């Protein structure tokens, strides 16, 4: 038989666990995503495109050093580099020798597609809220965050970000205004000084140094 004091402790623990689950929020997610070291995340992407009969498949890694730098290195089907450093955008296609640099927001479509990853990986809640209207809800098994462009709230463009309750992001689904759809599956891969060295090398490549 459970003694009254132990029974009360048990009820209290159940209450605390239930409350913490109910309070899963955007701020709680940002805390889970936050890292004091360089991080590397593996991703796989599937695109459903109007002009293609078969889904497009891609994969690679995302890297970050908080608070400002995020790099996306696509390895398949061909290598591409993209990055955001503070408000600067970088793009490099080494196969076709195409290089571009710009400002965040100068091309709204590009900014909307890449800002979500920088905001999530560097745990930048302010950037997320400045670019998108954010709706966050917590379900029984997963949390779901829906993003719409802040400047064009009536646009067909939308992003749905999800993950297991109490855990980090694992899926990002981007719907373009033309109906094209991208699903990006993410999984933490590594962190530390070796990752930081890789990030610095990739960043120099993006800058053309």
N, C-alpha and C. Protein backbone atom coordinates (compact mmCIF):
# COMPACT_ATOMS: atom_id res chain seq x y z
N UNK A 1 0.83 -1.20 0.00
CA UNK A 1 0.00 0.00 0.00
C UNK A 1 0.87 1.25 0.00
N UNK A 2 0.55 2.21 -0.88
CA UNK A 2 1.33 3.44 -0.98
C UNK A 2 0.97 4.36 0.16
N UNK A 3 1.98 4.83 0.91
CA UNK A 3 1.74 5.76 2.00
C UNK A 3 1.27 7.10 1.45
N UNK A 4 0.48 7.88 2.24
CA UNK A 4 -0.06 9.16 1.77
C UNK A 4 1.01 10.11 1.26
N UNK A 5 2.14 10.23 1.96
CA UNK A 5 3.17 11.18 1.53
C UNK A 5 3.77 10.78 0.19
N UNK A 6 3.99 9.44 0.01
CA UNK A 6 4.53 8.97 -1.27
C UNK A 6 3.51 9.14 -2.38
N UNK A 7 2.25 8.98 -2.04
CA UNK A 7 1.17 9.16 -3.01
C UNK A 7 1.14 10.60 -3.51
N UNK A 8 1.29 11.54 -2.58
CA UNK A 8 1.30 12.96 -2.95
C UNK A 8 2.50 13.30 -3.83
N UNK A 9 3.65 12.72 -3.49
CA UNK A 9 4.85 12.93 -4.31
C UNK A 9 4.62 12.40 -5.72
N UNK A 10 4.00 11.22 -5.83
CA UNK A 10 3.74 10.63 -7.13
C UNK A 10 2.80 11.51 -7.95
N UNK A 11 1.74 12.02 -7.31
CA UNK A 11 0.80 12.91 -7.99
C UNK A 11 1.51 14.18 -8.46
N UNK A 12 2.40 14.70 -7.61
CA UNK A 12 3.15 15.91 -7.95
C UNK A 12 4.05 15.70 -9.16
N UNK A 13 4.74 14.55 -9.20
CA UNK A 13 5.63 14.25 -10.32
C UNK A 13 4.84 14.12 -11.62
N UNK A 14 3.68 13.45 -11.55
CA UNK A 14 2.84 13.31 -12.75
C UNK A 14 2.39 14.68 -13.22
N UNK A 15 2.03 15.55 -12.27
CA UNK A 15 1.58 16.89 -12.61
C UNK A 15 2.69 17.69 -13.28
N UNK A 16 3.91 17.60 -12.73
CA UNK A 16 5.03 18.34 -13.29
C UNK A 16 5.34 17.89 -14.70
N UNK A 17 5.36 16.56 -14.91
CA UNK A 17 5.63 16.02 -16.25
C UNK A 17 4.55 16.48 -17.22
N UNK A 18 3.29 16.40 -16.81
CA UNK A 18 2.19 16.82 -17.69
C UNK A 18 2.28 18.29 -18.01
N UNK A 19 2.64 19.11 -17.01
CA UNK A 19 2.75 20.54 -17.23
C UNK A 19 3.87 20.87 -18.18
N UNK A 20 5.02 20.18 -18.02
CA UNK A 20 6.15 20.46 -18.91
C UNK A 20 5.82 20.08 -20.34
N UNK A 21 5.05 19.01 -20.54
CA UNK A 21 4.65 18.62 -21.88
C UNK A 21 3.68 19.65 -22.46
N UNK A 22 2.75 20.14 -21.64
CA UNK A 22 1.77 21.10 -22.11
C UNK A 22 2.41 22.42 -22.50
N UNK A 23 3.56 22.74 -21.86
CA UNK A 23 4.21 24.01 -22.10
C UNK A 23 5.23 23.95 -23.23
N UNK A 24 5.31 22.84 -23.98
CA UNK A 24 6.20 22.79 -25.12
C UNK A 24 5.85 23.95 -26.03
N UNK A 25 6.83 24.76 -26.38
CA UNK A 25 6.57 26.02 -27.06
C UNK A 25 7.73 26.36 -27.98
N UNK A 26 7.58 27.46 -28.72
CA UNK A 26 8.65 27.92 -29.59
C UNK A 26 9.90 28.24 -28.77
N UNK A 27 9.73 28.92 -27.65
CA UNK A 27 10.88 29.27 -26.81
C UNK A 27 11.57 28.01 -26.29
N UNK A 28 10.77 27.01 -25.89
CA UNK A 28 11.35 25.75 -25.41
C UNK A 28 12.12 25.06 -26.54
N UNK A 29 11.58 25.10 -27.76
CA UNK A 29 12.26 24.52 -28.91
C UNK A 29 13.59 25.22 -29.16
N UNK A 30 13.61 26.55 -29.10
CA UNK A 30 14.84 27.29 -29.32
C UNK A 30 15.90 26.91 -28.28
N UNK A 31 15.47 26.68 -27.04
CA UNK A 31 16.41 26.26 -26.01
C UNK A 31 17.01 24.89 -26.33
N UNK A 32 16.17 24.00 -26.89
CA UNK A 32 16.67 22.66 -27.25
C UNK A 32 17.63 22.74 -28.43
N UNK A 33 17.41 23.68 -29.34
CA UNK A 33 18.25 23.80 -30.53
C UNK A 33 19.56 24.53 -30.23
N UNK A 34 19.60 25.27 -29.14
CA UNK A 34 20.76 26.11 -28.84
C UNK A 34 21.99 25.27 -28.57
N UNK A 35 23.13 25.73 -29.09
CA UNK A 35 24.40 25.03 -28.90
C UNK A 35 25.52 26.05 -28.75
N UNK A 36 26.44 25.78 -27.83
CA UNK A 36 27.58 26.66 -27.62
C UNK A 36 28.77 26.26 -28.48
N UNK A 37 28.61 25.21 -29.26
CA UNK A 37 29.70 24.74 -30.10
C UNK A 37 29.23 24.61 -31.54
N UNK A 38 30.17 24.43 -32.45
CA UNK A 38 29.83 24.23 -33.86
C UNK A 38 29.09 22.91 -34.02
N UNK A 39 28.05 22.92 -34.87
CA UNK A 39 27.28 21.69 -35.05
C UNK A 39 27.14 21.33 -36.52
N UNK A 40 26.90 20.05 -36.74
CA UNK A 40 26.74 19.49 -38.08
C UNK A 40 25.48 18.63 -38.08
N UNK A 41 24.61 18.87 -39.05
CA UNK A 41 23.35 18.13 -39.15
C UNK A 41 23.22 17.52 -40.54
N UNK A 42 22.98 16.23 -40.59
CA UNK A 42 22.75 15.56 -41.87
C UNK A 42 21.31 15.79 -42.31
N UNK A 43 21.12 15.94 -43.64
CA UNK A 43 19.76 16.11 -44.14
C UNK A 43 19.56 15.33 -45.44
N UNK A 44 18.31 14.96 -45.67
CA UNK A 44 17.88 14.37 -46.93
C UNK A 44 16.67 15.16 -47.42
N UNK A 45 16.66 15.48 -48.68
CA UNK A 45 15.59 16.32 -49.23
C UNK A 45 14.90 15.62 -50.40
N UNK A 46 13.58 15.71 -50.41
CA UNK A 46 12.77 15.22 -51.53
C UNK A 46 11.93 16.38 -52.04
N UNK A 47 12.01 16.64 -53.34
CA UNK A 47 11.22 17.71 -53.94
C UNK A 47 10.21 17.11 -54.92
N UNK A 48 8.97 17.55 -54.76
CA UNK A 48 7.92 17.19 -55.71
C UNK A 48 7.70 18.41 -56.60
N UNK A 49 8.14 18.32 -57.86
CA UNK A 49 8.13 19.46 -58.77
C UNK A 49 7.12 19.25 -59.89
N UNK A 50 6.43 20.32 -60.23
CA UNK A 50 5.41 20.26 -61.28
C UNK A 50 5.99 19.82 -62.62
N UNK A 51 7.22 20.20 -62.89
CA UNK A 51 7.82 19.95 -64.21
C UNK A 51 8.54 18.61 -64.30
N UNK A 52 8.60 17.86 -63.20
CA UNK A 52 9.29 16.57 -63.21
C UNK A 52 8.33 15.44 -62.90
N UNK A 53 8.49 14.33 -63.62
CA UNK A 53 7.62 13.16 -63.39
C UNK A 53 8.02 12.41 -62.12
N UNK A 54 9.32 12.44 -61.80
CA UNK A 54 9.81 11.74 -60.63
C UNK A 54 10.30 12.74 -59.58
N UNK A 55 10.17 12.40 -58.29
CA UNK A 55 10.67 13.29 -57.24
C UNK A 55 12.18 13.50 -57.36
N UNK A 56 12.60 14.72 -57.07
CA UNK A 56 14.02 15.06 -57.02
C UNK A 56 14.56 14.70 -55.64
N UNK A 57 15.74 14.06 -55.59
CA UNK A 57 16.33 13.63 -54.33
C UNK A 57 17.68 14.32 -54.13
N UNK A 58 17.90 14.81 -52.93
CA UNK A 58 19.18 15.43 -52.61
C UNK A 58 19.56 15.15 -51.17
N UNK A 59 20.84 15.36 -50.85
CA UNK A 59 21.29 15.14 -49.47
C UNK A 59 22.58 15.90 -49.23
N UNK A 60 22.90 16.08 -47.96
CA UNK A 60 24.12 16.79 -47.60
C UNK A 60 24.15 17.08 -46.12
N UNK A 61 24.77 18.21 -45.78
CA UNK A 61 24.91 18.58 -44.37
C UNK A 61 24.63 20.07 -44.18
N UNK A 62 24.14 20.40 -43.00
CA UNK A 62 24.02 21.78 -42.57
C UNK A 62 24.96 21.98 -41.39
N UNK A 63 25.62 23.13 -41.38
CA UNK A 63 26.57 23.45 -40.32
C UNK A 63 26.20 24.80 -39.71
N UNK A 64 26.57 25.00 -38.46
CA UNK A 64 26.35 26.32 -37.88
C UNK A 64 27.32 26.60 -36.75
N UNK A 65 27.62 27.90 -36.61
CA UNK A 65 28.27 28.44 -35.44
C UNK A 65 27.40 29.60 -34.98
N UNK A 66 26.73 29.42 -33.85
CA UNK A 66 25.84 30.46 -33.35
C UNK A 66 26.67 31.70 -32.95
N UNK A 67 26.12 32.91 -33.10
CA UNK A 67 24.72 33.16 -33.47
C UNK A 67 24.49 33.48 -34.94
N UNK A 68 25.56 33.63 -35.75
CA UNK A 68 25.38 34.26 -37.05
C UNK A 68 25.54 33.37 -38.27
N UNK A 69 26.33 32.30 -38.18
CA UNK A 69 26.72 31.59 -39.40
C UNK A 69 26.02 30.24 -39.54
N UNK A 70 25.41 30.03 -40.72
CA UNK A 70 24.83 28.74 -41.08
C UNK A 70 25.22 28.43 -42.52
N UNK A 71 25.73 27.22 -42.74
CA UNK A 71 26.14 26.79 -44.08
C UNK A 71 25.39 25.51 -44.44
N UNK A 72 24.90 25.47 -45.66
CA UNK A 72 24.27 24.25 -46.17
C UNK A 72 25.11 23.74 -47.34
N UNK A 73 25.61 22.52 -47.18
CA UNK A 73 26.43 21.88 -48.22
C UNK A 73 25.64 20.72 -48.82
N UNK A 74 25.15 20.93 -50.02
CA UNK A 74 24.50 19.84 -50.75
C UNK A 74 25.58 19.00 -51.43
N UNK A 75 25.53 17.69 -51.22
CA UNK A 75 26.51 16.79 -51.81
C UNK A 75 25.94 15.99 -52.97
N UNK A 76 24.65 15.67 -52.92
CA UNK A 76 23.99 14.94 -53.99
C UNK A 76 22.72 15.67 -54.39
N UNK A 77 22.36 15.70 -55.68
CA UNK A 77 22.99 15.01 -56.82
C UNK A 77 24.27 15.69 -57.31
N UNK A 78 24.51 16.96 -56.94
CA UNK A 78 25.77 17.60 -57.24
C UNK A 78 26.08 18.57 -56.10
N UNK A 79 27.33 18.92 -55.95
CA UNK A 79 27.73 19.74 -54.81
C UNK A 79 27.35 21.20 -55.00
N UNK A 80 26.71 21.79 -53.98
CA UNK A 80 26.38 23.21 -53.94
C UNK A 80 26.63 23.71 -52.52
N UNK A 81 26.98 24.97 -52.39
CA UNK A 81 27.17 25.59 -51.09
C UNK A 81 26.27 26.81 -50.96
N UNK A 82 25.59 26.94 -49.85
CA UNK A 82 24.78 28.11 -49.54
C UNK A 82 25.05 28.49 -48.09
N UNK A 83 24.96 29.78 -47.77
CA UNK A 83 25.22 30.19 -46.39
C UNK A 83 24.51 31.49 -46.07
N UNK A 84 24.28 31.68 -44.78
CA UNK A 84 23.84 32.96 -44.24
C UNK A 84 24.80 33.31 -43.12
N UNK A 85 25.37 34.51 -43.20
CA UNK A 85 26.22 35.00 -42.12
C UNK A 85 25.69 36.38 -41.73
N UNK A 86 25.05 36.45 -40.57
CA UNK A 86 24.33 37.68 -40.16
C UNK A 86 23.28 37.97 -41.23
N UNK A 87 23.37 39.10 -41.94
CA UNK A 87 22.38 39.43 -42.97
C UNK A 87 22.93 39.23 -44.37
N UNK A 88 24.03 38.50 -44.51
CA UNK A 88 24.65 38.25 -45.81
C UNK A 88 24.30 36.85 -46.31
N UNK A 89 23.96 36.76 -47.61
CA UNK A 89 23.68 35.48 -48.25
C UNK A 89 24.82 35.12 -49.21
N UNK A 90 25.17 33.83 -49.23
CA UNK A 90 26.23 33.36 -50.11
C UNK A 90 25.75 32.11 -50.86
N UNK A 91 26.20 32.00 -52.12
CA UNK A 91 25.86 30.84 -52.95
C UNK A 91 27.07 30.53 -53.82
N UNK A 92 27.41 29.24 -53.92
CA UNK A 92 28.52 28.83 -54.78
C UNK A 92 28.20 27.49 -55.41
N UNK A 93 28.27 27.47 -56.74
CA UNK A 93 28.10 26.24 -57.52
C UNK A 93 29.47 25.90 -58.10
N UNK A 94 30.24 25.00 -57.46
CA UNK A 94 31.59 24.70 -57.93
C UNK A 94 31.63 23.96 -59.26
N UNK A 95 30.55 23.26 -59.60
CA UNK A 95 30.52 22.52 -60.86
C UNK A 95 30.46 23.49 -62.04
N UNK A 96 29.59 24.49 -61.93
CA UNK A 96 29.43 25.46 -63.01
C UNK A 96 30.15 26.78 -62.76
N UNK A 97 30.91 26.84 -61.67
CA UNK A 97 31.70 28.02 -61.32
C UNK A 97 30.84 29.28 -61.23
N UNK A 98 29.73 29.16 -60.54
CA UNK A 98 28.81 30.29 -60.34
C UNK A 98 28.87 30.69 -58.87
N UNK A 99 29.08 31.99 -58.63
CA UNK A 99 29.19 32.50 -57.27
C UNK A 99 28.30 33.73 -57.12
N UNK A 100 27.59 33.81 -55.99
CA UNK A 100 26.69 34.96 -55.76
C UNK A 100 26.72 35.34 -54.30
N UNK A 101 26.69 36.66 -54.05
CA UNK A 101 26.57 37.19 -52.70
C UNK A 101 25.49 38.26 -52.69
N UNK A 102 24.72 38.32 -51.63
CA UNK A 102 23.65 39.29 -51.54
C UNK A 102 23.27 39.58 -50.10
N UNK A 103 22.17 40.31 -49.94
CA UNK A 103 21.68 40.67 -48.63
C UNK A 103 20.42 39.87 -48.31
N UNK A 104 20.29 39.47 -47.06
CA UNK A 104 19.07 38.83 -46.61
C UNK A 104 17.89 39.78 -46.84
N UNK A 105 16.86 39.30 -47.51
CA UNK A 105 15.69 40.13 -47.77
C UNK A 105 15.69 40.77 -49.14
N UNK A 106 16.87 40.83 -49.81
CA UNK A 106 16.92 41.45 -51.13
C UNK A 106 16.18 40.60 -52.16
N UNK A 107 16.18 39.29 -51.98
CA UNK A 107 15.38 38.37 -52.77
C UNK A 107 14.51 37.60 -51.78
N UNK A 108 13.23 37.99 -51.70
CA UNK A 108 12.36 37.46 -50.66
C UNK A 108 12.22 35.94 -50.75
N UNK A 109 12.12 35.39 -51.96
CA UNK A 109 11.91 33.95 -52.09
C UNK A 109 13.12 33.17 -51.58
N UNK A 110 14.33 33.62 -51.93
CA UNK A 110 15.54 32.94 -51.44
C UNK A 110 15.64 33.08 -49.93
N UNK A 111 15.41 34.27 -49.43
CA UNK A 111 15.51 34.52 -47.99
C UNK A 111 14.55 33.65 -47.20
N UNK A 112 13.31 33.53 -47.67
CA UNK A 112 12.32 32.73 -46.97
C UNK A 112 12.69 31.26 -46.94
N UNK A 113 13.31 30.78 -48.01
CA UNK A 113 13.68 29.37 -48.10
C UNK A 113 14.87 29.00 -47.23
N UNK A 114 15.76 29.94 -46.98
CA UNK A 114 16.97 29.61 -46.23
C UNK A 114 16.95 30.14 -44.80
N UNK A 115 16.20 31.22 -44.55
CA UNK A 115 16.19 31.83 -43.22
C UNK A 115 15.66 30.87 -42.16
N UNK A 116 14.71 30.02 -42.54
CA UNK A 116 14.14 29.09 -41.57
C UNK A 116 15.21 28.16 -41.00
N UNK A 117 16.14 27.72 -41.84
CA UNK A 117 17.19 26.81 -41.38
C UNK A 117 18.20 27.54 -40.50
N UNK A 118 18.55 28.76 -40.88
CA UNK A 118 19.46 29.53 -40.02
C UNK A 118 18.82 29.78 -38.66
N UNK A 119 17.55 30.18 -38.67
CA UNK A 119 16.85 30.48 -37.42
C UNK A 119 16.78 29.25 -36.52
N UNK A 120 16.49 28.09 -37.11
CA UNK A 120 16.37 26.86 -36.33
C UNK A 120 17.72 26.37 -35.83
N UNK A 121 18.70 26.30 -36.71
CA UNK A 121 19.97 25.69 -36.35
C UNK A 121 20.77 26.57 -35.40
N UNK A 122 20.64 27.90 -35.54
CA UNK A 122 21.35 28.80 -34.62
C UNK A 122 20.46 29.26 -33.48
N UNK A 123 19.24 28.71 -33.39
CA UNK A 123 18.30 29.04 -32.31
C UNK A 123 18.02 30.53 -32.23
N UNK A 124 17.75 31.13 -33.40
CA UNK A 124 17.51 32.57 -33.50
C UNK A 124 16.01 32.83 -33.59
N UNK A 125 15.37 32.92 -32.44
CA UNK A 125 13.92 33.13 -32.40
C UNK A 125 13.53 34.49 -32.98
N UNK A 126 14.37 35.50 -32.77
CA UNK A 126 14.09 36.84 -33.29
C UNK A 126 14.05 36.84 -34.82
N UNK A 127 15.00 36.15 -35.46
CA UNK A 127 15.00 36.06 -36.92
C UNK A 127 13.76 35.34 -37.41
N UNK A 128 13.40 34.25 -36.76
CA UNK A 128 12.22 33.48 -37.15
C UNK A 128 10.97 34.37 -37.13
N UNK A 129 10.81 35.13 -36.06
CA UNK A 129 9.62 35.97 -35.92
C UNK A 129 9.65 37.19 -36.83
N UNK A 130 10.85 37.63 -37.22
CA UNK A 130 10.94 38.78 -38.12
C UNK A 130 10.60 38.41 -39.56
N UNK A 131 10.83 37.15 -39.92
CA UNK A 131 10.60 36.70 -41.30
C UNK A 131 9.22 36.07 -41.50
N UNK A 132 8.69 35.43 -40.44
CA UNK A 132 7.48 34.63 -40.59
C UNK A 132 6.45 34.94 -39.49
N UNK A 133 5.19 34.71 -39.84
CA UNK A 133 4.15 34.61 -38.83
C UNK A 133 4.20 33.17 -38.30
N UNK A 134 4.29 33.02 -36.99
CA UNK A 134 4.55 31.72 -36.38
C UNK A 134 3.33 31.22 -35.62
N UNK A 135 2.91 29.99 -35.95
CA UNK A 135 1.88 29.30 -35.18
C UNK A 135 2.49 28.00 -34.64
N UNK A 136 2.50 27.85 -33.33
CA UNK A 136 3.13 26.68 -32.70
C UNK A 136 2.07 25.93 -31.90
N UNK A 137 2.01 24.62 -32.12
CA UNK A 137 1.08 23.79 -31.35
C UNK A 137 1.77 22.49 -30.95
N UNK A 138 1.35 21.93 -29.82
CA UNK A 138 1.93 20.70 -29.31
C UNK A 138 0.88 19.60 -29.32
N UNK A 139 1.13 18.55 -30.08
CA UNK A 139 0.20 17.42 -30.18
C UNK A 139 0.61 16.32 -29.20
N UNK A 140 -0.11 15.21 -29.26
CA UNK A 140 0.16 14.11 -28.33
C UNK A 140 1.57 13.55 -28.50
N UNK A 141 2.01 13.38 -29.74
CA UNK A 141 3.32 12.78 -30.00
C UNK A 141 4.33 13.78 -30.56
N UNK A 142 3.85 14.82 -31.25
CA UNK A 142 4.75 15.73 -31.94
C UNK A 142 4.32 17.17 -31.73
N UNK A 143 5.27 18.09 -31.85
CA UNK A 143 4.94 19.51 -31.93
C UNK A 143 4.97 19.92 -33.40
N UNK A 144 4.19 20.92 -33.73
CA UNK A 144 4.07 21.39 -35.12
C UNK A 144 4.15 22.91 -35.13
N UNK A 145 4.98 23.44 -36.01
CA UNK A 145 5.10 24.89 -36.18
C UNK A 145 4.83 25.24 -37.64
N UNK A 146 3.88 26.13 -37.87
CA UNK A 146 3.54 26.58 -39.22
C UNK A 146 4.01 28.01 -39.42
N UNK A 147 4.71 28.25 -40.51
CA UNK A 147 5.27 29.56 -40.80
C UNK A 147 4.70 30.12 -42.11
N UNK A 148 4.32 31.39 -42.07
CA UNK A 148 3.85 32.11 -43.25
C UNK A 148 4.69 33.37 -43.39
N UNK A 149 4.94 33.84 -44.62
CA UNK A 149 5.73 35.07 -44.79
C UNK A 149 5.09 36.24 -44.06
N UNK A 150 5.85 36.96 -43.27
CA UNK A 150 5.30 38.09 -42.52
C UNK A 150 4.88 39.21 -43.47
N UNK A 151 5.62 39.42 -44.54
CA UNK A 151 5.30 40.51 -45.47
C UNK A 151 4.18 40.15 -46.44
N UNK A 152 3.96 38.85 -46.65
CA UNK A 152 2.92 38.42 -47.60
C UNK A 152 2.13 37.28 -46.96
N UNK A 153 1.33 37.62 -45.97
CA UNK A 153 0.62 36.60 -45.20
C UNK A 153 -0.41 35.84 -46.03
N UNK A 154 -0.86 36.44 -47.14
CA UNK A 154 -1.85 35.77 -48.02
C UNK A 154 -1.20 34.90 -49.09
N UNK A 155 0.13 34.85 -49.08
CA UNK A 155 0.85 34.06 -50.07
C UNK A 155 0.58 32.57 -49.87
N UNK A 156 0.68 31.80 -50.96
CA UNK A 156 0.54 30.34 -50.88
C UNK A 156 1.79 29.68 -50.31
N UNK A 157 2.86 30.46 -50.17
CA UNK A 157 4.10 29.93 -49.59
C UNK A 157 3.89 29.62 -48.11
N UNK A 158 4.35 28.45 -47.67
CA UNK A 158 4.25 28.10 -46.25
C UNK A 158 5.33 27.09 -45.90
N UNK A 159 5.67 27.05 -44.62
CA UNK A 159 6.65 26.09 -44.10
C UNK A 159 6.04 25.42 -42.87
N UNK A 160 6.12 24.09 -42.83
CA UNK A 160 5.69 23.35 -41.66
C UNK A 160 6.91 22.65 -41.07
N UNK A 161 7.19 22.93 -39.80
CA UNK A 161 8.34 22.37 -39.10
C UNK A 161 7.81 21.48 -37.98
N UNK A 162 8.33 20.25 -37.88
CA UNK A 162 7.83 19.34 -36.85
C UNK A 162 8.96 18.56 -36.19
N UNK A 163 8.64 17.98 -35.03
CA UNK A 163 9.57 17.13 -34.31
C UNK A 163 8.84 16.39 -33.23
N UNK A 164 9.47 15.38 -32.67
CA UNK A 164 8.87 14.65 -31.55
C UNK A 164 8.75 15.57 -30.34
N UNK A 165 7.71 15.37 -29.54
CA UNK A 165 7.49 16.20 -28.36
C UNK A 165 8.73 16.21 -27.47
N UNK A 166 9.15 17.40 -27.10
CA UNK A 166 10.30 17.54 -26.21
C UNK A 166 11.64 17.36 -26.90
N UNK A 167 11.64 17.22 -28.25
CA UNK A 167 12.89 17.02 -28.97
C UNK A 167 13.06 18.09 -30.06
N UNK A 168 14.19 17.99 -30.77
CA UNK A 168 14.52 19.00 -31.77
C UNK A 168 13.77 18.76 -33.08
N UNK A 169 14.03 19.63 -34.04
CA UNK A 169 13.43 19.53 -35.37
C UNK A 169 13.90 18.25 -36.06
N UNK A 170 12.99 17.55 -36.73
CA UNK A 170 13.41 16.44 -37.57
C UNK A 170 12.86 16.54 -38.99
N UNK A 171 11.84 17.39 -39.22
CA UNK A 171 11.24 17.49 -40.55
C UNK A 171 10.84 18.94 -40.86
N UNK A 172 11.19 19.39 -42.06
CA UNK A 172 10.77 20.71 -42.55
C UNK A 172 10.12 20.50 -43.91
N UNK A 173 8.88 20.97 -44.08
CA UNK A 173 8.18 20.86 -45.36
C UNK A 173 7.90 22.27 -45.88
N UNK A 174 8.40 22.55 -47.08
CA UNK A 174 8.26 23.88 -47.68
C UNK A 174 7.36 23.78 -48.91
N UNK A 175 6.29 24.56 -48.89
CA UNK A 175 5.39 24.64 -50.04
C UNK A 175 5.60 25.96 -50.75
N UNK A 176 6.01 25.90 -52.02
CA UNK A 176 6.25 27.11 -52.80
C UNK A 176 4.93 27.66 -53.36
N UNK A 177 4.98 28.90 -53.82
CA UNK A 177 3.77 29.54 -54.36
C UNK A 177 3.27 28.85 -55.61
N UNK A 178 4.16 28.18 -56.35
CA UNK A 178 3.75 27.49 -57.58
C UNK A 178 3.29 26.05 -57.33
N UNK A 179 3.25 25.65 -56.06
CA UNK A 179 2.78 24.30 -55.72
C UNK A 179 3.88 23.29 -55.52
N UNK A 180 5.11 23.61 -55.91
CA UNK A 180 6.23 22.69 -55.67
C UNK A 180 6.41 22.47 -54.17
N UNK A 181 6.81 21.25 -53.81
CA UNK A 181 6.90 20.87 -52.39
C UNK A 181 8.26 20.26 -52.09
N UNK A 182 8.85 20.67 -50.98
CA UNK A 182 10.13 20.09 -50.54
C UNK A 182 9.98 19.56 -49.12
N UNK A 183 10.46 18.33 -48.90
CA UNK A 183 10.48 17.75 -47.56
C UNK A 183 11.93 17.49 -47.18
N UNK A 184 12.37 18.10 -46.08
CA UNK A 184 13.75 17.96 -45.62
C UNK A 184 13.75 17.23 -44.28
N UNK A 185 14.40 16.08 -44.24
CA UNK A 185 14.54 15.30 -43.02
C UNK A 185 15.91 15.60 -42.42
N UNK A 186 15.95 15.94 -41.11
CA UNK A 186 17.18 16.38 -40.48
C UNK A 186 17.53 15.49 -39.29
N UNK A 187 18.84 15.27 -39.10
CA UNK A 187 19.30 14.46 -37.98
C UNK A 187 20.67 14.95 -37.53
N UNK A 188 20.81 15.23 -36.22
CA UNK A 188 22.09 15.69 -35.68
C UNK A 188 23.18 14.68 -35.99
N UNK A 189 24.36 15.21 -36.34
CA UNK A 189 25.44 14.33 -36.80
C UNK A 189 26.69 14.43 -35.93
N UNK A 190 27.14 15.67 -35.67
CA UNK A 190 28.39 15.85 -34.92
C UNK A 190 28.48 17.28 -34.42
N UNK A 191 29.45 17.51 -33.50
CA UNK A 191 29.70 18.85 -33.00
C UNK A 191 31.13 18.92 -32.50
N UNK A 192 31.62 20.16 -32.28
CA UNK A 192 32.95 20.31 -31.71
C UNK A 192 33.92 21.03 -32.61
N UNK A 193 35.19 21.01 -32.23
CA UNK A 193 36.24 21.77 -32.92
C UNK A 193 36.49 21.28 -34.34
N UNK A 194 36.39 19.97 -34.57
CA UNK A 194 36.62 19.45 -35.91
C UNK A 194 35.55 19.98 -36.87
N UNK A 195 34.32 20.05 -36.38
CA UNK A 195 33.23 20.60 -37.19
C UNK A 195 33.48 22.08 -37.45
N UNK A 196 33.96 22.79 -36.45
CA UNK A 196 34.25 24.22 -36.62
C UNK A 196 35.30 24.44 -37.71
N UNK A 197 36.33 23.60 -37.74
CA UNK A 197 37.37 23.71 -38.76
C UNK A 197 36.79 23.49 -40.16
N UNK A 198 35.89 22.51 -40.27
CA UNK A 198 35.22 22.27 -41.55
C UNK A 198 34.40 23.47 -41.98
N UNK A 199 33.69 24.07 -41.04
CA UNK A 199 32.86 25.24 -41.34
C UNK A 199 33.72 26.39 -41.86
N UNK A 200 34.86 26.63 -41.23
CA UNK A 200 35.74 27.71 -41.66
C UNK A 200 36.28 27.47 -43.07
N UNK A 201 36.58 26.22 -43.39
CA UNK A 201 37.05 25.90 -44.74
C UNK A 201 35.94 26.13 -45.77
N UNK A 202 34.72 25.70 -45.43
CA UNK A 202 33.60 25.89 -46.35
C UNK A 202 33.29 27.37 -46.56
N UNK A 203 33.40 28.14 -45.49
CA UNK A 203 33.11 29.57 -45.58
C UNK A 203 34.13 30.28 -46.47
N UNK A 204 35.38 29.90 -46.36
CA UNK A 204 36.43 30.48 -47.24
C UNK A 204 36.14 30.13 -48.69
N UNK A 205 35.65 28.91 -48.92
CA UNK A 205 35.30 28.49 -50.29
C UNK A 205 34.16 29.34 -50.82
N UNK A 206 33.16 29.61 -49.97
CA UNK A 206 32.04 30.46 -50.39
C UNK A 206 32.49 31.88 -50.71
N UNK A 207 33.44 32.39 -49.95
CA UNK A 207 33.95 33.75 -50.18
C UNK A 207 34.90 33.82 -51.36
N UNK A 208 35.36 32.66 -51.83
CA UNK A 208 36.28 32.64 -52.95
C UNK A 208 37.72 32.89 -52.54
N UNK A 209 38.06 32.53 -51.32
CA UNK A 209 39.43 32.76 -50.82
C UNK A 209 40.23 31.48 -50.85
